[in-house]
Amino acid sequence: MELFDLRGKVVVVTGSTKGIGKAIALRMVEHGARVVVSSRKADACEIIAAEINAEMADKNGGEATPIACNIGHKDQLQKLVDQTVEKWGKIDVMVCNAAVNPYYGSTLDIPDDAFDKILSSNIKSNHWLCNMVIPQMKEIGGGSIIVISSIQALQGSRVIGAYGISKAADLALARNIAAEFGGDNIRANCVAPGLVKTDFAKALWDDPEYMADTLESAALHRIGTPDEIAGAAVFLASRAGDFVTGQTLIADGGVTINAASK
């Protein structure tokens, strides 16, 4: 437990009222962290924070608190950081999980506003948020930044190409932060999930042809669960991951390595 002990750590998780983000928030609290549950809707944040606290009562002193934030608004991101520091004095771990994908189809047909929204929400907002937390991480002696990317950063796609472009940029963002701020004991890494059964990815796993291709390609012959991504995030947030920085941890059931199936 000691290697994965997060007691005393303050963690912010964007997009954490459902799916992968919710699982990350829950497991961070389970390991003793004080966690900010954040998404656009304040009522959803309050409900999920209360649910996590009820489920994890008396588990290692962890706690969840709600702070609503729309990642598309820079002032709201700053408010998220400021309110967290005001409440708990610091941010040790920043998990950039929130993302959007408003378009499914050929990149030939993607509207400009959809392309702009994908790039703004999935790259620029993470850049803003990291820049907001890094100065105080330097002051407290270090920290861990975790960006939830995707294996679409490593592959082409016929239907979610713009999303993949944005997620590839997230890999570069983490590498550059790691290179620039490693001397300040700040680590930055990505987790790149394969297909996970969440509402966000429903257009993919609900597509019979796409699902069949994925199951055939995956070495494990199944798709993932949110908890299986949360475990990777706990590792990167904890002392167990202290020597890992600038990396992309792929959690895809073996899709990207299983050449024999292609």
C-alpha atoms as a PDB file:
ATOM      1  CA  MET A   1       0.000   0.000   0.000  1.00  0.00           C
ATOM      2  CA  GLU A   2       2.819   2.420   0.827  1.00  0.00           C
ATOM      3  CA  LEU A   3       3.973   2.735  -2.791  1.00  0.00           C
ATOM      4  CA  PHE A   4       0.440   3.710  -3.824  1.00  0.00           C
ATOM      5  CA  ASP A   5      -0.412   5.742  -0.723  1.00  0.00           C
ATOM      6  CA  LEU A   6      -1.912   9.122  -1.676  1.00  0.00           C
ATOM      7  CA  ARG A   7      -2.681  10.363   1.826  1.00  0.00           C
ATOM      8  CA  GLY A   8      -1.875  14.060   2.093  1.00  0.00           C
ATOM      9  CA  LYS A   9      -2.073  14.542  -1.687  1.00  0.00           C
ATOM     10  CA  VAL A  10      -4.507  16.955  -3.346  1.00  0.00           C
ATOM     11  CA  VAL A  11      -5.767  15.815  -6.736  1.00  0.00           C
ATOM     12  CA  VAL A  12      -7.885  17.656  -9.313  1.00  0.00           C
ATOM     13  CA  VAL A  13      -9.682  15.549 -11.935  1.00  0.00           C
ATOM     14  CA  THR A  14     -11.485  17.300 -14.784  1.00  0.00           C
ATOM     15  CA  GLY A  15     -14.463  15.617 -16.386  1.00  0.00           C
ATOM     16  CA  SER A  16     -14.919  13.435 -13.333  1.00  0.00           C
ATOM     17  CA  THR A  17     -18.674  13.012 -12.939  1.00  0.00           C
ATOM     18  CA  LYS A  18     -18.845   9.921 -15.161  1.00  0.00           C
ATOM     19  CA  GLY A  19     -16.817   7.353 -17.038  1.00  0.00           C
ATOM     20  CA  ILE A  20     -13.049   7.279 -16.735  1.00  0.00           C
ATOM     21  CA  GLY A  21     -12.859  10.557 -14.802  1.00  0.00           C
ATOM     22  CA  LYS A  22     -15.294   9.369 -12.152  1.00  0.00           C
ATOM     23  CA  ALA A  23     -13.364   6.105 -11.745  1.00  0.00           C
ATOM     24  CA  ILE A  24     -10.102   8.033 -11.349  1.00  0.00           C
ATOM     25  CA  ALA A  25     -11.607  10.325  -8.709  1.00  0.00           C
ATOM     26  CA  LEU A  26     -13.053   7.366  -6.800  1.00  0.00           C
ATOM     27  CA  ARG A  27      -9.797   5.394  -6.760  1.00  0.00           C
ATOM     28  CA  MET A  28      -7.705   8.421  -5.822  1.00  0.00           C
ATOM     29  CA  VAL A  29      -9.967   8.940  -2.797  1.00  0.00           C
ATOM     30  CA  GLU A  30      -9.759   5.234  -1.998  1.00  0.00           C
ATOM     31  CA  HIS A  31      -5.979   5.608  -1.786  1.00  0.00           C
ATOM     32  CA  GLY A  32      -6.266   8.538   0.616  1.00  0.00           C
ATOM     33  CA  ALA A  33      -6.205  11.620  -1.617  1.00  0.00           C
ATOM     34  CA  ARG A  34      -8.310  14.733  -1.270  1.00  0.00           C
ATOM     35  CA  VAL A  35      -9.919  14.979  -4.700  1.00  0.00           C
ATOM     36  CA  VAL A  36     -11.728  17.738  -6.568  1.00  0.00           C
ATOM     37  CA  VAL A  37     -14.571  16.362  -8.677  1.00  0.00           C
ATOM     38  CA  SER A  38     -15.087  18.723 -11.587  1.00  0.00           C
ATOM     39  CA  SER A  39     -17.274  19.002 -14.671  1.00  0.00           C
ATOM     40  CA  ARG A  40     -19.510  21.609 -16.301  1.00  0.00           C
ATOM     41  CA  LYS A  41     -22.597  21.044 -14.144  1.00  0.00           C
ATOM     42  CA  ALA A  42     -22.415  21.942 -10.453  1.00  0.00           C
ATOM     43  CA  ASP A  43     -25.253  19.608  -9.449  1.00  0.00           C
ATOM     44  CA  ALA A  44     -23.566  16.626 -11.098  1.00  0.00           C
ATOM     45  CA  CYS A  45     -20.293  17.443  -9.290  1.00  0.00           C
ATOM     46  CA  GLU A  46     -22.102  17.607  -5.956  1.00  0.00           C
ATOM     47  CA  ILE A  47     -23.916  14.310  -6.529  1.00  0.00           C
ATOM     48  CA  ILE A  48     -20.777  12.403  -7.526  1.00  0.00           C
ATOM     49  CA  ALA A  49     -18.635  13.889  -4.740  1.00  0.00           C
ATOM     50  CA  ALA A  50     -21.268  12.861  -2.185  1.00  0.00           C
ATOM     51  CA  GLU A  51     -21.501   9.399  -3.759  1.00  0.00           C
ATOM     52  CA  ILE A  52     -17.730   8.920  -3.591  1.00  0.00           C
ATOM     53  CA  ASN A  53     -17.564  10.120   0.014  1.00  0.00           C
ATOM     54  CA  ALA A  54     -20.346   7.737   1.005  1.00  0.00           C
ATOM     55  CA  GLU A  55     -18.707   4.782  -0.737  1.00  0.00           C
ATOM     56  CA  MET A  56     -15.218   5.536   0.556  1.00  0.00           C
ATOM     57  CA  ALA A  57     -16.095   6.582   4.109  1.00  0.00           C
ATOM     58  CA  ASP A  58     -13.322   5.657   6.581  1.00  0.00           C
ATOM     59  CA  LYS A  59     -10.940   4.601   3.766  1.00  0.00           C
ATOM     60  CA  ASN A  60      -7.492   6.080   4.399  1.00  0.00           C
ATOM     61  CA  GLY A  61      -8.780   9.592   5.068  1.00  0.00           C
ATOM     62  CA  GLY A  62      -9.613  10.383   1.445  1.00  0.00           C
ATOM     63  CA  GLU A  63     -12.268  12.935   0.573  1.00  0.00           C
ATOM     64  CA  ALA A  64     -14.002  14.365  -2.496  1.00  0.00           C
ATOM     65  CA  THR A  65     -15.229  17.916  -2.975  1.00  0.00           C
ATOM     66  CA  PRO A  66     -17.131  19.401  -5.949  1.00  0.00           C
ATOM     67  CA  ILE A  67     -15.978  22.403  -8.016  1.00  0.00           C
ATOM     68  CA  ALA A  68     -17.779  22.994 -11.300  1.00  0.00           C
ATOM     69  CA  CYS A  69     -15.749  24.117 -14.318  1.00  0.00           C
ATOM     70  CA  ASN A  70     -16.232  24.372 -18.058  1.00  0.00           C
ATOM     71  CA  ILE A  71     -12.804  23.608 -19.507  1.00  0.00           C
ATOM     72  CA  GLY A  72     -13.534  25.784 -22.517  1.00  0.00           C
ATOM     73  CA  HIS A  73     -13.395  28.937 -20.399  1.00  0.00           C
ATOM     74  CA  LYS A  74      -9.987  30.081 -19.189  1.00  0.00           C
ATOM     75  CA  ASP A  75     -11.440  32.089 -16.307  1.00  0.00           C
ATOM     76  CA  GLN A  76     -13.272  29.009 -15.026  1.00  0.00           C
ATOM     77  CA  LEU A  77     -10.078  26.943 -15.178  1.00  0.00           C
ATOM     78  CA  GLN A  78      -8.292  29.595 -13.120  1.00  0.00           C
ATOM     79  CA  LYS A  79     -11.164  29.583 -10.654  1.00  0.00           C
ATOM     80  CA  LEU A  80     -10.886  25.787 -10.373  1.00  0.00           C
ATOM     81  CA  VAL A  81      -7.203  26.075  -9.486  1.00  0.00           C
ATOM     82  CA  ASP A  82      -7.695  29.024  -7.126  1.00  0.00           C
ATOM     83  CA  GLN A  83     -10.602  27.449  -5.240  1.00  0.00           C
ATOM     84  CA  THR A  84      -8.727  24.175  -4.823  1.00  0.00           C
ATOM     85  CA  VAL A  85      -5.660  25.932  -3.427  1.00  0.00           C
ATOM     86  CA  GLU A  86      -7.869  28.074  -1.202  1.00  0.00           C
ATOM     87  CA  LYS A  87      -9.585  24.983   0.226  1.00  0.00           C
ATOM     88  CA  TRP A  88      -6.660  22.573   0.542  1.00  0.00           C
ATOM     89  CA  GLY A  89      -3.560  24.747   0.160  1.00  0.00           C
ATOM     90  CA  LYS A  90      -2.030  23.100  -2.903  1.00  0.00           C
ATOM     91  CA  ILE A  91      -2.438  20.834  -5.925  1.00  0.00           C
ATOM     92  CA  ASP A  92      -0.127  17.802  -6.021  1.00  0.00           C
ATOM     93  CA  VAL A  93      -1.719  15.984  -8.938  1.00  0.00           C
ATOM     94  CA  MET A  94      -3.510  17.418 -11.958  1.00  0.00           C
ATOM     95  CA  VAL A  95      -5.502  14.933 -14.043  1.00  0.00           C
ATOM     96  CA  CYS A  96      -6.559  16.427 -17.381  1.00  0.00           C
ATOM     97  CA  ASN A  97      -9.330  14.038 -18.317  1.00  0.00           C
ATOM     98  CA  ALA A  98     -12.137  16.185 -19.750  1.00  0.00           C
ATOM     99  CA  ALA A  99     -12.366  16.080 -23.536  1.00  0.00           C
ATOM    100  CA  VAL A 100     -14.885  16.433 -26.332  1.00  0.00           C
ATOM    101  CA  ASN A 101     -15.580  14.734 -29.640  1.00  0.00           C
ATOM    102  CA  PRO A 102     -18.629  16.335 -31.287  1.00  0.00           C
ATOM    103  CA  TYR A 103     -18.035  14.768 -34.702  1.00  0.00           C
ATOM    104  CA  TYR A 104     -18.091  11.175 -35.987  1.00  0.00           C
ATOM    105  CA  GLY A 105     -17.275  10.674 -39.654  1.00  0.00           C
ATOM    106  CA  SER A 106     -14.845  11.544 -42.413  1.00  0.00           C
ATOM    107  CA  THR A 107     -12.446  14.452 -41.870  1.00  0.00           C
ATOM    108  CA  LEU A 108     -13.486  15.632 -45.331  1.00  0.00           C
ATOM    109  CA  ASP A 109     -16.843  16.612 -43.898  1.00  0.00           C
ATOM    110  CA  ILE A 110     -15.982  17.939 -40.441  1.00  0.00           C
ATOM    111  CA  PRO A 111     -17.306  21.499 -39.919  1.00  0.00           C
ATOM    112  CA  ASP A 112     -14.731  24.108 -38.956  1.00  0.00           C
ATOM    113  CA  ASP A 113     -16.482  24.863 -35.678  1.00  0.00           C
ATOM    114  CA  ALA A 114     -16.373  21.180 -34.665  1.00  0.00           C
ATOM    115  CA  PHE A 115     -12.674  20.936 -35.527  1.00  0.00           C
ATOM    116  CA  ASP A 116     -11.939  24.130 -33.582  1.00  0.00           C
ATOM    117  CA  LYS A 117     -13.899  22.872 -30.566  1.00  0.00           C
ATOM    118  CA  ILE A 118     -11.989  19.583 -30.498  1.00  0.00           C
ATOM    119  CA  LEU A 119      -8.607  21.312 -30.626  1.00  0.00           C
ATOM    120  CA  SER A 120      -9.579  23.991 -28.114  1.00  0.00           C
ATOM    121  CA  SER A 121     -11.079  21.636 -25.536  1.00  0.00           C
ATOM    122  CA  ASN A 122      -8.631  18.760 -25.886  1.00  0.00           C
ATOM    123  CA  ILE A 123      -5.369  20.671 -26.280  1.00  0.00           C
ATOM    124  CA  LYS A 124      -5.606  24.358 -25.444  1.00  0.00           C
ATOM    125  CA  SER A 125      -7.550  23.869 -22.220  1.00  0.00           C
ATOM    126  CA  ASN A 126      -4.974  21.310 -21.012  1.00  0.00           C
ATOM    127  CA  HIS A 127      -2.178  23.740 -21.888  1.00  0.00           C
ATOM    128  CA  TRP A 128      -3.902  26.491 -19.921  1.00  0.00           C
ATOM    129  CA  LEU A 129      -4.586  24.286 -16.921  1.00  0.00           C
ATOM    130  CA  CYS A 130      -1.063  22.897 -16.748  1.00  0.00           C
ATOM    131  CA  ASN A 131       0.370  26.417 -16.903  1.00  0.00           C
ATOM    132  CA  MET A 132      -1.888  27.386 -14.018  1.00  0.00           C
ATOM    133  CA  VAL A 133      -0.812  24.528 -11.717  1.00  0.00           C
ATOM    134  CA  ILE A 134       2.896  24.301 -12.539  1.00  0.00           C
ATOM    135  CA  PRO A 135       3.974  27.476 -10.644  1.00  0.00           C
ATOM    136  CA  GLN A 136       2.454  26.270  -7.368  1.00  0.00           C
ATOM    137  CA  MET A 137       3.793  22.745  -7.959  1.00  0.00           C
ATOM    138  CA  LYS A 138       7.240  24.305  -8.178  1.00  0.00           C
ATOM    139  CA  GLU A 139       6.600  26.085  -4.863  1.00  0.00           C
ATOM    140  CA  ILE A 140       5.593  22.887  -3.028  1.00  0.00           C
ATOM    141  CA  GLY A 141       8.512  20.883  -4.400  1.00  0.00           C
ATOM    142  CA  GLY A 142       6.953  18.930  -7.237  1.00  0.00           C
ATOM    143  CA  GLY A 143       3.863  17.339  -8.626  1.00  0.00           C
ATOM    144  CA  SER A 144       2.374  14.966 -11.166  1.00  0.00           C
ATOM    145  CA  ILE A 145       0.440  15.933 -14.292  1.00  0.00           C
ATOM    146  CA  ILE A 146      -1.566  13.159 -15.938  1.00  0.00           C
ATOM    147  CA  VAL A 147      -3.232  13.709 -19.302  1.00  0.00           C
ATOM    148  CA  ILE A 148      -5.789  11.150 -20.440  1.00  0.00           C
ATOM    149  CA  SER A 149      -5.054  10.734 -24.133  1.00  0.00           C
ATOM    150  CA  SER A 150      -6.109   7.827 -26.376  1.00  0.00           C
ATOM    151  CA  ILE A 151      -4.633   5.174 -28.632  1.00  0.00           C
ATOM    152  CA  GLN A 152      -6.153   7.266 -31.412  1.00  0.00           C
ATOM    153  CA  ALA A 153      -3.072   9.449 -30.850  1.00  0.00           C
ATOM    154  CA  LEU A 154      -1.057   6.547 -32.261  1.00  0.00           C
ATOM    155  CA  GLN A 155      -3.370   5.349 -35.020  1.00  0.00           C
ATOM    156  CA  GLY A 156      -5.302   6.750 -37.915  1.00  0.00           C
ATOM    157  CA  SER A 157      -9.091   6.564 -37.953  1.00  0.00           C
ATOM    158  CA  ARG A 158     -11.785   6.699 -40.591  1.00  0.00           C
ATOM    159  CA  VAL A 159     -14.329   8.197 -38.200  1.00  0.00           C
ATOM    160  CA  ILE A 160     -12.623  10.123 -35.351  1.00  0.00           C
ATOM    161  CA  GLY A 161      -9.589  11.582 -37.088  1.00  0.00           C
ATOM    162  CA  ALA A 162      -9.765  15.074 -35.576  1.00  0.00           C
ATOM    163  CA  TYR A 163     -10.064  13.594 -32.088  1.00  0.00           C
ATOM    164  CA  GLY A 164      -6.928  11.548 -32.757  1.00  0.00           C
ATOM    165  CA  ILE A 165      -5.062  14.658 -33.889  1.00  0.00           C
ATOM    166  CA  SER A 166      -5.933  16.403 -30.631  1.00  0.00           C
ATOM    167  CA  LYS A 167      -4.901  13.409 -28.558  1.00  0.00           C
ATOM    168  CA  ALA A 168      -1.563  13.163 -30.377  1.00  0.00           C
ATOM    169  CA  ALA A 169      -0.879  16.769 -29.394  1.00  0.00           C
ATOM    170  CA  ASP A 170      -1.539  15.825 -25.754  1.00  0.00           C
ATOM    171  CA  LEU A 171       1.369  13.372 -25.919  1.00  0.00           C
ATOM    172  CA  ALA A 172       3.669  16.201 -27.014  1.00  0.00           C
ATOM    173  CA  LEU A 173       2.276  18.470 -24.293  1.00  0.00           C
ATOM    174  CA  ALA A 174       3.178  15.949 -21.588  1.00  0.00           C
ATOM    175  CA  ARG A 175       6.648  15.333 -23.024  1.00  0.00           C
ATOM    176  CA  ASN A 176       7.438  19.032 -23.185  1.00  0.00           C
ATOM    177  CA  ILE A 177       6.268  19.669 -19.621  1.00  0.00           C
ATOM    178  CA  ALA A 178       8.358  16.719 -18.450  1.00  0.00           C
ATOM    179  CA  ALA A 179      11.443  18.021 -20.235  1.00  0.00           C
ATOM    180  CA  GLU A 180      11.069  21.620 -19.096  1.00  0.00           C
ATOM    181  CA  PHE A 181      10.084  21.097 -15.468  1.00  0.00           C
ATOM    182  CA  GLY A 182      11.732  17.816 -14.493  1.00  0.00           C
ATOM    183  CA  GLY A 183      14.331  19.779 -12.539  1.00  0.00           C
ATOM    184  CA  ASP A 184      11.486  21.076 -10.377  1.00  0.00           C
ATOM    185  CA  ASN A 185      10.425  17.485  -9.598  1.00  0.00           C
ATOM    186  CA  ILE A 186       7.338  17.864 -11.778  1.00  0.00           C
ATOM    187  CA  ARG A 187       6.409  14.755 -13.741  1.00  0.00           C
ATOM    188  CA  ALA A 188       4.050  14.705 -16.728  1.00  0.00           C
ATOM    189  CA  ASN A 189       2.688  11.606 -18.416  1.00  0.00           C
ATOM    190  CA  CYS A 190      -0.196  10.438 -20.579  1.00  0.00           C
ATOM    191  CA  VAL A 191      -2.470   7.452 -20.256  1.00  0.00           C
ATOM    192  CA  ALA A 192      -3.694   6.282 -23.661  1.00  0.00           C
ATOM    193  CA  PRO A 193      -6.759   4.055 -23.300  1.00  0.00           C
ATOM    194  CA  GLY A 194      -8.116   1.858 -26.004  1.00  0.00           C
ATOM    195  CA  LEU A 195     -11.850   1.465 -26.351  1.00  0.00           C
ATOM    196  CA  VAL A 196     -13.485   1.670 -22.916  1.00  0.00           C
ATOM    197  CA  LYS A 197     -17.176   1.162 -22.224  1.00  0.00           C
ATOM    198  CA  THR A 198     -18.221   4.684 -21.300  1.00  0.00           C
ATOM    199  CA  ASP A 199     -20.984   7.004 -22.474  1.00  0.00           C
ATOM    200  CA  PHE A 200     -18.311   9.148 -24.153  1.00  0.00           C
ATOM    201  CA  ALA A 201     -17.241   6.245 -26.384  1.00  0.00           C
ATOM    202  CA  LYS A 202     -20.747   4.902 -27.019  1.00  0.00           C
ATOM    203  CA  ALA A 203     -20.678   5.846 -30.713  1.00  0.00           C
ATOM    204  CA  LEU A 204     -17.750   3.431 -31.095  1.00  0.00           C
ATOM    205  CA  TRP A 205     -18.720   0.423 -28.986  1.00  0.00           C
ATOM    206  CA  ASP A 206     -22.336   0.764 -30.165  1.00  0.00           C
ATOM    207  CA  ASP A 207     -21.171   0.459 -33.788  1.00  0.00           C
ATOM    208  CA  PRO A 208     -21.293  -3.305 -34.553  1.00  0.00           C
ATOM    209  CA  GLU A 209     -18.620  -3.136 -37.252  1.00  0.00           C
ATOM    210  CA  TYR A 210     -16.234  -1.029 -35.165  1.00  0.00           C
ATOM    211  CA  MET A 211     -16.803  -3.208 -32.107  1.00  0.00           C
ATOM    212  CA  ALA A 212     -16.175  -6.408 -34.057  1.00  0.00           C
ATOM    213  CA  ASP A 213     -12.934  -4.985 -35.472  1.00  0.00           C
ATOM    214  CA  THR A 214     -11.803  -3.940 -31.993  1.00  0.00           C
ATOM    215  CA  LEU A 215     -12.522  -7.319 -30.413  1.00  0.00           C
ATOM    216  CA  GLU A 216     -10.662  -9.056 -33.214  1.00  0.00           C
ATOM    217  CA  SER A 217      -7.679  -6.712 -32.931  1.00  0.00           C
ATOM    218  CA  ALA A 218      -7.375  -6.754 -29.144  1.00  0.00           C
ATOM    219  CA  ALA A 219      -5.043  -9.400 -27.745  1.00  0.00           C
ATOM    220  CA  LEU A 220      -7.427  -9.725 -24.784  1.00  0.00           C
ATOM    221  CA  HIS A 221     -10.467  -9.863 -27.112  1.00  0.00           C
ATOM    222  CA  ARG A 222     -12.461  -7.376 -25.069  1.00  0.00           C
ATOM    223  CA  ILE A 223     -12.800  -3.664 -24.421  1.00  0.00           C
ATOM    224  CA  GLY A 224     -11.798  -1.943 -21.203  1.00  0.00           C
ATOM    225  CA  THR A 225     -13.507  -0.662 -18.082  1.00  0.00           C
ATOM    226  CA  PRO A 226     -13.061   2.762 -16.454  1.00  0.00           C
ATOM    227  CA  ASP A 227     -11.418   1.204 -13.383  1.00  0.00           C
ATOM    228  CA  GLU A 228      -8.676  -0.270 -15.556  1.00  0.00           C
ATOM    229  CA  ILE A 229      -7.683   3.253 -16.598  1.00  0.00           C
ATOM    230  CA  ALA A 230      -8.053   4.589 -13.061  1.00  0.00           C
ATOM    231  CA  GLY A 231      -5.421   2.119 -11.860  1.00  0.00           C
ATOM    232  CA  ALA A 232      -2.895   3.560 -14.304  1.00  0.00           C
ATOM    233  CA  ALA A 233      -3.654   7.070 -13.057  1.00  0.00           C
ATOM    234  CA  VAL A 234      -3.179   6.045  -9.414  1.00  0.00           C
ATOM    235  CA  PHE A 235       0.202   4.572 -10.332  1.00  0.00           C
ATOM    236  CA  LEU A 236       1.340   7.785 -12.035  1.00  0.00           C
ATOM    237  CA  ALA A 237       0.086   9.913  -9.138  1.00  0.00           C
ATOM    238  CA  SER A 238       1.787   7.862  -6.446  1.00  0.00           C
ATOM    239  CA  ARG A 239       5.337   7.185  -5.268  1.00  0.00           C
ATOM    240  CA  ALA A 240       5.235   4.005  -7.357  1.00  0.00           C
ATOM    241  CA  GLY A 241       5.448   6.200 -10.448  1.00  0.00           C
ATOM    242  CA  ASP A 242       8.080   8.634  -9.181  1.00  0.00           C
ATOM    243  CA  PHE A 243      10.668   7.675 -11.828  1.00  0.00           C
ATOM    244  CA  VAL A 244       8.240   7.814 -14.756  1.00  0.00           C
ATOM    245  CA  THR A 245       7.951  11.041 -16.731  1.00  0.00           C
ATOM    246  CA  GLY A 246       7.362  12.109 -20.312  1.00  0.00           C
ATOM    247  CA  GLN A 247       5.813   8.732 -21.114  1.00  0.00           C
ATOM    248  CA  THR A 248       2.600   7.403 -22.602  1.00  0.00           C
ATOM    249  CA  LEU A 249       1.159   4.429 -20.757  1.00  0.00           C
ATOM    250  CA  ILE A 250      -0.991   2.496 -23.222  1.00  0.00           C
ATOM    251  CA  ALA A 251      -3.931   0.593 -21.722  1.00  0.00           C
ATOM    252  CA  ASP A 252      -5.713  -0.899 -24.707  1.00  0.00           C
ATOM    253  CA  GLY A 253      -6.036  -4.647 -24.173  1.00  0.00           C
ATOM    254  CA  GLY A 254      -3.287  -5.238 -26.698  1.00  0.00           C
ATOM    255  CA  VAL A 255      -4.807  -3.544 -29.742  1.00  0.00           C
ATOM    256  CA  THR A 256      -1.720  -1.604 -30.776  1.00  0.00           C
ATOM    257  CA  ILE A 257       0.679  -4.550 -30.422  1.00  0.00           C
ATOM    258  CA  ASN A 258      -1.390  -7.366 -31.847  1.00  0.00           C
ATOM    259  CA  ALA A 259      -0.061  -7.340 -35.413  1.00  0.00           C
ATOM    260  CA  ALA A 260      -1.037 -10.975 -35.884  1.00  0.00           C
ATOM    261  CA  SER A 261      -4.703 -10.002 -35.977  1.00  0.00           C
ATOM    262  CA  LYS A 262      -4.311  -7.471 -38.797  1.00  0.00           C
END
